Structure formats: structure tokens, C-alpha cells
Amino acid sequence: NTTTKCFEYYAYGFWQQLHCATCFTPDDAGTITGSSSVCKGDNGVSYSVPSINNANTYTWSYTGSGATINGNSETITIDFSSSATSGNLTVKGTNQCGDGVVSANFSITVNSIPASPTANTHTPSQTEIVWNWNTVSGATGYKYNTLNDYGTATDNGTSSSYTQTGLTC
């Protein structure tokens, strides 16, 4: 019987079931792990959930906008666009028998990128120069370098000035 997925035989005037196929839906999804705070423009941010028994694929959903989910297994990455918004991430296991129970919401806060600091008064002398810049709301630290390359910049902590010594006239 293709409707009940059972082998049946006819005896005593009616159809009787000999054996029925069993099909288990995936178990409940566990707790999602990953970064709960990201910046607009972050790419390849990793999220995962423990393996879900009986799941062939994992269906991930995000309630915010501007986020692209990459993958359909227990580990995925998300790319957050420059216009991404905060939201909740969930996952459920899926197979040919149906869907498992959806995970609890995993809240993700998408933060705006802080503005660039602007130069302030610089104080040169014969042996040193002190560079100063204005503080930026929302910034958690500052970096500096002589190239326009954040990746090679030196961490300056939360200080909004830098003194270079050892200069000669």
C-alpha cells in the first residue's frame, strides 16, 4: 500500500498489514553557537549546531535582512551586507519524512561601522611628533599607520593620540 507504506495481504475478507515502513523525523535542534554581535559588512561569520539525529539537511533561517546564509549542514557561514539588520537565527533538521523541531532563537545584533576619526592638532618638535585625532562614538579602540591599510595598522588601544619619538631635524 503506497499510501500507508505497509505490506498488506488479503485474508479473512479484508486487507491486513504485515509490515509497515518506519520513517523518523529529525530530532529537535540543539543550541546554536557563534557570534551574537557582528558589524555590517562582516563576511564568513561561522555558526553551528550539534549534529541532529536523522537529519539529511539543515534548514537555517534569519529574521533580519541583508544576510546571506552559506551552507545547509550543522556548520554554516553568514555574510552580512552593509545594510544588514539585527535578527534571530534558527535551524531545524529536515529529511524525507519531514522536519524536526526548530531551535531556540539565537539573537544576532548587527552593529554599524563607526565613523572614521578626524585629525586634530598635531604637535611637532625637533625630536618627536604627537598625532591626535577626535574620538569616535561607538569605537572600542584605534589603530594607526602611515599606509592606508587597516590590516597592517598598529593597535593603539583606546588612546586617541600617538607620539613618535627619535626624530632628528
Foldseek 3Di string as FASTA:
>chain_A
DVVQQFDWDDDPHGIDGDDHDDQDAKEEWADKDFAQEEEAQDWFGKIFTPAIPNFPWKDKDWPWPQKDWAGTGRMIIIGHHLPIAWTWMKMWGGDPVGIYHIYDTRTHGYHYDWDDWDWDDWDDDQFKIKTFTDDIPPDQFDWDDPDPDPVPTHTPGRDRMDMDGGHHD
